[in-house]
Amino acid sequence: MSSTVWAVRATHIWRRETHIFRFLRDARCAVRVVEVRLFKTSRLSERAPIETRRWEPGSDLAKTAKEISKYIADSGSIDATLVASDEV
């Protein structure tokens, strides 16, 4: 099993959505599960996820990027980590 991980910093929502889309495309998330982990603090000593959600593989990566971006924004999260995994 292989995973690709990317950390998302709090940025403008339109910018974040574009970066998420690029990650999904480059990590082949049309055929891989993506898990989003939300964090309230950016301090490494306190990096326990407060919430996690998974998206199944799908061909409409733009729609998935929009959903993930909204999920992050609605949570009020400071940081998020996206993990693209071959695990289903």
PDB file of N, CA and C in Angstrom:
ATOM      1  N   MET A   1       0.843  -1.179   0.000  1.00  0.00           N
ATOM      2  CA  MET A   1       0.000   0.000   0.000  1.00  0.00           C
ATOM      3  C   MET A   1       0.883   1.235   0.000  1.00  0.00           C
ATOM      4  N   SER A   2       0.485   2.234  -0.764  1.00  0.00           N
ATOM      5  CA  SER A   2       1.238   3.460  -0.899  1.00  0.00           C
ATOM      6  C   SER A   2       0.338   4.651  -0.581  1.00  0.00           C
ATOM      7  N   SER A   3       0.918   5.702   0.022  1.00  0.00           N
ATOM      8  CA  SER A   3       0.152   6.901   0.338  1.00  0.00           C
ATOM      9  C   SER A   3       0.919   8.135  -0.095  1.00  0.00           C
ATOM     10  N   THR A   4       0.190   9.186  -0.443  1.00  0.00           N
ATOM     11  CA  THR A   4       0.747  10.484  -0.746  1.00  0.00           C
ATOM     12  C   THR A   4       0.100  11.460   0.217  1.00  0.00           C
ATOM     13  N   VAL A   5       0.912  12.284   0.897  1.00  0.00           N
ATOM     14  CA  VAL A   5       0.406  13.187   1.925  1.00  0.00           C
ATOM     15  C   VAL A   5       0.720  14.623   1.530  1.00  0.00           C
ATOM     16  N   TRP A   6      -0.234  15.533   1.801  1.00  0.00           N
ATOM     17  CA  TRP A   6      -0.042  16.944   1.517  1.00  0.00           C
ATOM     18  C   TRP A   6      -0.708  17.750   2.621  1.00  0.00           C
ATOM     19  N   ALA A   7       0.002  18.740   3.157  1.00  0.00           N
ATOM     20  CA  ALA A   7      -0.534  19.615   4.205  1.00  0.00           C
ATOM     21  C   ALA A   7      -1.129  20.857   3.566  1.00  0.00           C
ATOM     22  N   VAL A   8      -2.312  21.232   4.008  1.00  0.00           N
ATOM     23  CA  VAL A   8      -3.026  22.407   3.494  1.00  0.00           C
ATOM     24  C   VAL A   8      -3.012  23.477   4.571  1.00  0.00           C
ATOM     25  N   ARG A   9      -2.468  24.637   4.254  1.00  0.00           N
ATOM     26  CA  ARG A   9      -2.494  25.775   5.171  1.00  0.00           C
ATOM     27  C   ARG A   9      -3.763  26.584   4.924  1.00  0.00           C
ATOM     28  N   ALA A  10      -4.180  27.311   5.941  1.00  0.00           N
ATOM     29  CA  ALA A  10      -5.345  28.173   5.797  1.00  0.00           C
ATOM     30  C   ALA A  10      -5.012  29.288   4.802  1.00  0.00           C
ATOM     31  N   THR A  11      -5.749  29.351   3.702  1.00  0.00           N
ATOM     32  CA  THR A  11      -5.576  30.371   2.672  1.00  0.00           C
ATOM     33  C   THR A  11      -6.949  30.772   2.167  1.00  0.00           C
ATOM     34  N   HIS A  12      -6.985  31.678   1.219  1.00  0.00           N
ATOM     35  CA  HIS A  12      -8.266  32.050   0.619  1.00  0.00           C
ATOM     36  C   HIS A  12      -8.912  30.803   0.020  1.00  0.00           C
ATOM     37  N   ILE A  13     -10.230  30.700   0.155  1.00  0.00           N
ATOM     38  CA  ILE A  13     -10.925  29.483  -0.256  1.00  0.00           C
ATOM     39  C   ILE A  13     -10.722  29.166  -1.739  1.00  0.00           C
ATOM     40  N   TRP A  14     -10.745  30.151  -2.632  1.00  0.00           N
ATOM     41  CA  TRP A  14     -10.584  29.874  -4.067  1.00  0.00           C
ATOM     42  C   TRP A  14      -9.183  29.353  -4.363  1.00  0.00           C
ATOM     43  N   ARG A  15      -8.212  29.861  -3.654  1.00  0.00           N
ATOM     44  CA  ARG A  15      -6.830  29.425  -3.839  1.00  0.00           C
ATOM     45  C   ARG A  15      -6.647  28.002  -3.317  1.00  0.00           C
ATOM     46  N   ARG A  16      -7.230  27.750  -2.150  1.00  0.00           N
ATOM     47  CA  ARG A  16      -7.125  26.424  -1.543  1.00  0.00           C
ATOM     48  C   ARG A  16      -7.759  25.382  -2.461  1.00  0.00           C
ATOM     49  N   GLU A  17      -8.905  25.705  -3.031  1.00  0.00           N
ATOM     50  CA  GLU A  17      -9.596  24.765  -3.914  1.00  0.00           C
ATOM     51  C   GLU A  17      -8.732  24.415  -5.125  1.00  0.00           C
ATOM     52  N   THR A  18      -8.052  25.396  -5.691  1.00  0.00           N
ATOM     53  CA  THR A  18      -7.163  25.157  -6.834  1.00  0.00           C
ATOM     54  C   THR A  18      -6.012  24.239  -6.444  1.00  0.00           C
ATOM     55  N   HIS A  19      -5.417  24.482  -5.283  1.00  0.00           N
ATOM     56  CA  HIS A  19      -4.306  23.648  -4.822  1.00  0.00           C
ATOM     57  C   HIS A  19      -4.766  22.227  -4.506  1.00  0.00           C
ATOM     58  N   ILE A  20      -5.939  22.107  -3.922  1.00  0.00           N
ATOM     59  CA  ILE A  20      -6.487  20.778  -3.624  1.00  0.00           C
ATOM     60  C   ILE A  20      -6.747  20.018  -4.919  1.00  0.00           C
ATOM     61  N   PHE A  21      -7.319  20.697  -5.911  1.00  0.00           N
ATOM     62  CA  PHE A  21      -7.560  20.048  -7.201  1.00  0.00           C
ATOM     63  C   PHE A  21      -6.254  19.516  -7.792  1.00  0.00           C
ATOM     64  N   ARG A  22      -5.208  20.323  -7.758  1.00  0.00           N
ATOM     65  CA  ARG A  22      -3.910  19.885  -8.298  1.00  0.00           C
ATOM     66  C   ARG A  22      -3.380  18.665  -7.548  1.00  0.00           C
ATOM     67  N   PHE A  23      -3.528  18.678  -6.229  1.00  0.00           N
ATOM     68  CA  PHE A  23      -3.094  17.527  -5.445  1.00  0.00           C
ATOM     69  C   PHE A  23      -3.881  16.281  -5.850  1.00  0.00           C
ATOM     70  N   LEU A  24      -5.208  16.401  -5.941  1.00  0.00           N
ATOM     71  CA  LEU A  24      -6.044  15.255  -6.305  1.00  0.00           C
ATOM     72  C   LEU A  24      -5.658  14.705  -7.670  1.00  0.00           C
ATOM     73  N   ARG A  25      -5.423  15.592  -8.616  1.00  0.00           N
ATOM     74  CA  ARG A  25      -5.034  15.182  -9.973  1.00  0.00           C
ATOM     75  C   ARG A  25      -3.662  14.499  -9.954  1.00  0.00           C
ATOM     76  N   ASP A  26      -2.681  15.130  -9.309  1.00  0.00           N
ATOM     77  CA  ASP A  26      -1.319  14.592  -9.299  1.00  0.00           C
ATOM     78  C   ASP A  26      -1.196  13.296  -8.496  1.00  0.00           C
ATOM     79  N   ALA A  27      -2.049  13.136  -7.473  1.00  0.00           N
ATOM     80  CA  ALA A  27      -2.015  11.935  -6.638  1.00  0.00           C
ATOM     81  C   ALA A  27      -2.944  10.843  -7.168  1.00  0.00           C
ATOM     82  N   ARG A  28      -3.501  11.058  -8.370  1.00  0.00           N
ATOM     83  CA  ARG A  28      -4.361  10.073  -9.027  1.00  0.00           C
ATOM     84  C   ARG A  28      -5.569   9.692  -8.161  1.00  0.00           C
ATOM     85  N   CYS A  29      -6.236  10.695  -7.590  1.00  0.00           N
ATOM     86  CA  CYS A  29      -7.372  10.432  -6.710  1.00  0.00           C
ATOM     87  C   CYS A  29      -8.638  10.035  -7.459  1.00  0.00           C
ATOM     88  N   ALA A  30      -8.567   9.980  -8.773  1.00  0.00           N
ATOM     89  CA  ALA A  30      -9.689   9.424  -9.520  1.00  0.00           C
ATOM     90  C   ALA A  30      -9.773   7.928  -9.272  1.00  0.00           C
ATOM     91  N   VAL A  31      -8.658   7.326  -8.833  1.00  0.00           N
ATOM     92  CA  VAL A  31      -8.609   5.889  -8.556  1.00  0.00           C
ATOM     93  C   VAL A  31      -8.114   5.590  -7.141  1.00  0.00           C
ATOM     94  N   ARG A  32      -7.961   6.630  -6.308  1.00  0.00           N
ATOM     95  CA  ARG A  32      -7.463   6.445  -4.942  1.00  0.00           C
ATOM     96  C   ARG A  32      -8.369   7.140  -3.935  1.00  0.00           C
ATOM     97  N   VAL A  33      -8.478   6.567  -2.756  1.00  0.00           N
ATOM     98  CA  VAL A  33      -9.211   7.170  -1.650  1.00  0.00           C
ATOM     99  C   VAL A  33      -8.424   8.380  -1.156  1.00  0.00           C
ATOM    100  N   VAL A  34      -9.126   9.449  -0.773  1.00  0.00           N
ATOM    101  CA  VAL A  34      -8.456  10.583  -0.145  1.00  0.00           C
ATOM    102  C   VAL A  34      -9.101  10.809   1.223  1.00  0.00           C
ATOM    103  N   GLU A  35      -8.242  10.965   2.224  1.00  0.00           N
ATOM    104  CA  GLU A  35      -8.700  11.223   3.581  1.00  0.00           C
ATOM    105  C   GLU A  35      -8.240  12.614   3.970  1.00  0.00           C
ATOM    106  N   VAL A  36      -9.134  13.391   4.580  1.00  0.00           N
ATOM    107  CA  VAL A  36      -8.810  14.736   5.035  1.00  0.00           C
ATOM    108  C   VAL A  36      -8.816  14.725   6.558  1.00  0.00           C
ATOM    109  N   ARG A  37      -7.707  15.175   7.139  1.00  0.00           N
ATOM    110  CA  ARG A  37      -7.586  15.267   8.596  1.00  0.00           C
ATOM    111  C   ARG A  37      -7.494  16.741   8.964  1.00  0.00           C
ATOM    112  N   LEU A  38      -8.360  17.180   9.875  1.00  0.00           N
ATOM    113  CA  LEU A  38      -8.410  18.584  10.286  1.00  0.00           C
ATOM    114  C   LEU A  38      -7.705  18.782  11.616  1.00  0.00           C
ATOM    115  N   PHE A  39      -7.019  19.919  11.731  1.00  0.00           N
ATOM    116  CA  PHE A  39      -6.277  20.271  12.937  1.00  0.00           C
ATOM    117  C   PHE A  39      -6.647  21.683  13.349  1.00  0.00           C
ATOM    118  N   LYS A  40      -6.743  21.942  14.644  1.00  0.00           N
ATOM    119  CA  LYS A  40      -7.035  23.287  15.150  1.00  0.00           C
ATOM    120  C   LYS A  40      -5.761  24.082  15.408  1.00  0.00           C
ATOM    121  N   THR A  41      -4.656  23.432  15.609  1.00  0.00           N
ATOM    122  CA  THR A  41      -3.406  24.130  15.913  1.00  0.00           C
ATOM    123  C   THR A  41      -2.321  23.693  14.957  1.00  0.00           C
ATOM    124  N   SER A  42      -1.381  24.577  14.721  1.00  0.00           N
ATOM    125  CA  SER A  42      -0.274  24.222  13.836  1.00  0.00           C
ATOM    126  C   SER A  42       0.962  23.810  14.622  1.00  0.00           C
ATOM    127  N   ARG A  43       0.890  23.839  15.959  1.00  0.00           N
ATOM    128  CA  ARG A  43       2.035  23.411  16.767  1.00  0.00           C
ATOM    129  C   ARG A  43       2.236  21.902  16.657  1.00  0.00           C
ATOM    130  N   LEU A  44       3.440  21.510  16.303  1.00  0.00           N
ATOM    131  CA  LEU A  44       3.731  20.089  16.103  1.00  0.00           C
ATOM    132  C   LEU A  44       3.451  19.259  17.349  1.00  0.00           C
ATOM    133  N   SER A  45       3.673  19.825  18.524  1.00  0.00           N
ATOM    134  CA  SER A  45       3.463  19.066  19.760  1.00  0.00           C
ATOM    135  C   SER A  45       1.990  18.786  20.022  1.00  0.00           C
ATOM    136  N   GLU A  46       1.104  19.507  19.337  1.00  0.00           N
ATOM    137  CA  GLU A  46      -0.332  19.339  19.551  1.00  0.00           C
ATOM    138  C   GLU A  46      -1.033  18.901  18.270  1.00  0.00           C
ATOM    139  N   ARG A  47      -0.363  18.138  17.424  1.00  0.00           N
ATOM    140  CA  ARG A  47      -0.896  17.779  16.102  1.00  0.00           C
ATOM    141  C   ARG A  47      -1.757  16.518  16.136  1.00  0.00           C
ATOM    142  N   ALA A  48      -2.819  16.544  16.882  1.00  0.00           N
ATOM    143  CA  ALA A  48      -3.778  15.441  16.859  1.00  0.00           C
ATOM    144  C   ALA A  48      -4.979  15.898  16.045  1.00  0.00           C
ATOM    145  N   PRO A  49      -5.405  15.092  15.070  1.00  0.00           N
ATOM    146  CA  PRO A  49      -6.559  15.511  14.262  1.00  0.00           C
ATOM    147  C   PRO A  49      -7.817  15.638  15.112  1.00  0.00           C
ATOM    148  N   ILE A  50      -8.594  16.679  14.829  1.00  0.00           N
ATOM    149  CA  ILE A  50      -9.856  16.871  15.555  1.00  0.00           C
ATOM    150  C   ILE A  50     -11.022  16.225  14.816  1.00  0.00           C
ATOM    151  N   GLU A  51     -10.820  15.988  13.517  1.00  0.00           N
ATOM    152  CA  GLU A  51     -11.872  15.380  12.705  1.00  0.00           C
ATOM    153  C   GLU A  51     -11.238  14.790  11.445  1.00  0.00           C
ATOM    154  N   THR A  52     -11.837  13.720  10.933  1.00  0.00           N
ATOM    155  CA  THR A  52     -11.345  13.056   9.729  1.00  0.00           C
ATOM    156  C   THR A  52     -12.536  12.669   8.857  1.00  0.00           C
ATOM    157  N   ARG A  53     -12.360  12.842   7.552  1.00  0.00           N
ATOM    158  CA  ARG A  53     -13.405  12.421   6.602  1.00  0.00           C
ATOM    159  C   ARG A  53     -12.736  11.848   5.358  1.00  0.00           C
ATOM    160  N   ARG A  54     -13.376  10.857   4.736  1.00  0.00           N
ATOM    161  CA  ARG A  54     -12.829  10.205   3.538  1.00  0.00           C
ATOM    162  C   ARG A  54     -13.715  10.446   2.332  1.00  0.00           C
ATOM    163  N   TRP A  55     -13.081  10.573   1.195  1.00  0.00           N
ATOM    164  CA  TRP A  55     -13.771  10.645  -0.093  1.00  0.00           C
ATOM    165  C   TRP A  55     -13.331   9.451  -0.914  1.00  0.00           C
ATOM    166  N   GLU A  56     -14.285   8.753  -1.495  1.00  0.00           N
ATOM    167  CA  GLU A  56     -13.996   7.608  -2.352  1.00  0.00           C
ATOM    168  C   GLU A  56     -13.451   8.108  -3.692  1.00  0.00           C
ATOM    169  N   PRO A  57     -12.753   7.258  -4.436  1.00  0.00           N
ATOM    170  CA  PRO A  57     -12.251   7.666  -5.748  1.00  0.00           C
ATOM    171  C   PRO A  57     -13.408   8.128  -6.638  1.00  0.00           C
ATOM    172  N   GLY A  58     -13.126   9.115  -7.475  1.00  0.00           N
ATOM    173  CA  GLY A  58     -14.153   9.618  -8.382  1.00  0.00           C
ATOM    174  C   GLY A  58     -13.531  10.349  -9.548  1.00  0.00           C
ATOM    175  N   SER A  59     -14.259  10.424 -10.637  1.00  0.00           N
ATOM    176  CA  SER A  59     -13.714  11.036 -11.848  1.00  0.00           C
ATOM    177  C   SER A  59     -13.844  12.555 -11.863  1.00  0.00           C
ATOM    178  N   ASP A  60     -14.759  13.123 -11.065  1.00  0.00           N
ATOM    179  CA  ASP A  60     -14.955  14.570 -11.057  1.00  0.00           C
ATOM    180  C   ASP A  60     -14.107  15.190  -9.944  1.00  0.00           C
ATOM    181  N   LEU A  61     -12.809  15.353 -10.218  1.00  0.00           N
ATOM    182  CA  LEU A  61     -11.888  15.863  -9.203  1.00  0.00           C
ATOM    183  C   LEU A  61     -12.166  17.321  -8.854  1.00  0.00           C
ATOM    184  N   ALA A  62     -12.675  18.109  -9.797  1.00  0.00           N
ATOM    185  CA  ALA A  62     -13.005  19.510  -9.503  1.00  0.00           C
ATOM    186  C   ALA A  62     -14.115  19.578  -8.444  1.00  0.00           C
ATOM    187  N   LYS A  63     -15.113  18.720  -8.572  1.00  0.00           N
ATOM    188  CA  LYS A  63     -16.203  18.668  -7.596  1.00  0.00           C
ATOM    189  C   LYS A  63     -15.684  18.210  -6.234  1.00  0.00           C
ATOM    190  N   THR A  64     -14.830  17.197  -6.234  1.00  0.00           N
ATOM    191  CA  THR A  64     -14.260  16.698  -4.985  1.00  0.00           C
ATOM    192  C   THR A  64     -13.411  17.776  -4.315  1.00  0.00           C
ATOM    193  N   ALA A  65     -12.614  18.511  -5.094  1.00  0.00           N
ATOM    194  CA  ALA A  65     -11.789  19.597  -4.550  1.00  0.00           C
ATOM    195  C   ALA A  65     -12.667  20.664  -3.910  1.00  0.00           C
ATOM    196  N   LYS A  66     -13.779  20.979  -4.557  1.00  0.00           N
ATOM    197  CA  LYS A  66     -14.709  21.975  -4.021  1.00  0.00           C
ATOM    198  C   LYS A  66     -15.307  21.490  -2.701  1.00  0.00           C
ATOM    199  N   GLU A  67     -15.712  20.223  -2.645  1.00  0.00           N
ATOM    200  CA  GLU A  67     -16.286  19.648  -1.421  1.00  0.00           C
ATOM    201  C   GLU A  67     -15.265  19.648  -0.284  1.00  0.00           C
ATOM    202  N   ILE A  68     -14.042  19.261  -0.592  1.00  0.00           N
ATOM    203  CA  ILE A  68     -12.994  19.221   0.433  1.00  0.00           C
ATOM    204  C   ILE A  68     -12.685  20.629   0.929  1.00  0.00           C
ATOM    205  N   SER A  69     -12.569  21.580   0.019  1.00  0.00           N
ATOM    206  CA  SER A  69     -12.291  22.963   0.399  1.00  0.00           C
ATOM    207  C   SER A  69     -13.389  23.512   1.303  1.00  0.00           C
ATOM    208  N   LYS A  70     -14.636  23.230   0.966  1.00  0.00           N
ATOM    209  CA  LYS A  70     -15.770  23.681   1.786  1.00  0.00           C
ATOM    210  C   LYS A  70     -15.746  22.995   3.150  1.00  0.00           C
ATOM    211  N   TYR A  71     -15.429  21.716   3.171  1.00  0.00           N
ATOM    212  CA  TYR A  71     -15.336  20.963   4.419  1.00  0.00           C
ATOM    213  C   TYR A  71     -14.301  21.605   5.346  1.00  0.00           C
ATOM    214  N   ILE A  72     -13.144  21.953   4.795  1.00  0.00           N
ATOM    215  CA  ILE A  72     -12.087  22.583   5.594  1.00  0.00           C
ATOM    216  C   ILE A  72     -12.553  23.954   6.079  1.00  0.00           C
ATOM    217  N   ALA A  73     -13.124  24.768   5.190  1.00  0.00           N
ATOM    218  CA  ALA A  73     -13.580  26.108   5.557  1.00  0.00           C
ATOM    219  C   ALA A  73     -14.678  26.063   6.614  1.00  0.00           C
ATOM    220  N   ASP A  74     -15.638  25.165   6.447  1.00  0.00           N
ATOM    221  CA  ASP A  74     -16.755  25.066   7.390  1.00  0.00           C
ATOM    222  C   ASP A  74     -16.308  24.617   8.778  1.00  0.00           C
ATOM    223  N   SER A  75     -15.202  23.899   8.845  1.00  0.00           N
ATOM    224  CA  SER A  75     -14.724  23.387  10.132  1.00  0.00           C
ATOM    225  C   SER A  75     -14.049  24.462  10.964  1.00  0.00           C
ATOM    226  N   GLY A  76     -13.604  25.540  10.313  1.00  0.00           N
ATOM    227  CA  GLY A  76     -12.843  26.556  11.028  1.00  0.00           C
ATOM    228  C   GLY A  76     -11.437  26.083  11.338  1.00  0.00           C
ATOM    229  N   SER A  77     -11.025  25.052  10.656  1.00  0.00           N
ATOM    230  CA  SER A  77      -9.718  24.452  10.893  1.00  0.00           C
ATOM    231  C   SER A  77      -8.588  25.369  10.449  1.00  0.00           C
ATOM    232  N   ILE A  78      -7.498  25.354  11.185  1.00  0.00           N
ATOM    233  CA  ILE A  78      -6.306  26.112  10.817  1.00  0.00           C
ATOM    234  C   ILE A  78      -5.538  25.363   9.736  1.00  0.00           C
ATOM    235  N   ASP A  79      -5.397  24.075   9.913  1.00  0.00           N
ATOM    236  CA  ASP A  79      -4.635  23.246   8.992  1.00  0.00           C
ATOM    237  C   ASP A  79      -5.393  21.965   8.677  1.00  0.00           C
ATOM    238  N   ALA A  80      -5.037  21.387   7.538  1.00  0.00           N
ATOM    239  CA  ALA A  80      -5.602  20.095   7.158  1.00  0.00           C
ATOM    240  C   ALA A  80      -4.506  19.304   6.454  1.00  0.00           C
ATOM    241  N   THR A  81      -4.605  18.004   6.521  1.00  0.00           N
ATOM    242  CA  THR A  81      -3.708  17.124   5.807  1.00  0.00           C
ATOM    243  C   THR A  81      -4.556  16.238   4.901  1.00  0.00           C
ATOM    244  N   LEU A  82      -4.159  16.137   3.643  1.00  0.00           N
ATOM    245  CA  LEU A  82      -4.815  15.240   2.696  1.00  0.00           C
ATOM    246  C   LEU A  82      -3.930  14.029   2.496  1.00  0.00           C
ATOM    247  N   VAL A  83      -4.515  12.850   2.598  1.00  0.00           N
ATOM    248  CA  VAL A  83      -3.777  11.604   2.409  1.00  0.00           C
ATOM    249  C   VAL A  83      -4.461  10.816   1.313  1.00  0.00           C
ATOM    250  N   ALA A  84      -3.758  10.633   0.198  1.00  0.00           N
ATOM    251  CA  ALA A  84      -4.262   9.811  -0.907  1.00  0.00           C
ATOM    252  C   ALA A  84      -3.681   8.423  -0.724  1.00  0.00           C
ATOM    253  N   SER A  85      -4.555   7.441  -0.642  1.00  0.00           N
ATOM    254  CA  SER A  85      -4.135   6.088  -0.314  1.00  0.00           C
ATOM    255  C   SER A  85      -4.674   5.087  -1.315  1.00  0.00           C
ATOM    256  N   ASP A  86      -3.940   4.015  -1.532  1.00  0.00           N
ATOM    257  CA  ASP A  86      -4.398   2.936  -2.385  1.00  0.00           C
ATOM    258  C   ASP A  86      -5.403   2.053  -1.659  1.00  0.00           C
ATOM    259  N   GLU A  87      -5.537   2.245  -0.353  1.00  0.00           N
ATOM    260  CA  GLU A  87      -6.467   1.461   0.474  1.00  0.00           C
ATOM    261  C   GLU A  87      -7.896   1.852   0.139  1.00  0.00           C
ATOM    262  N   VAL A  88      -8.767   0.875   0.009  1.00  0.00           N
ATOM    263  CA  VAL A  88     -10.187   1.148  -0.250  1.00  0.00           C
ATOM    264  C   VAL A  88     -11.019   0.667   0.908  1.00  0.00           C
TER     265      VAL A  88
END
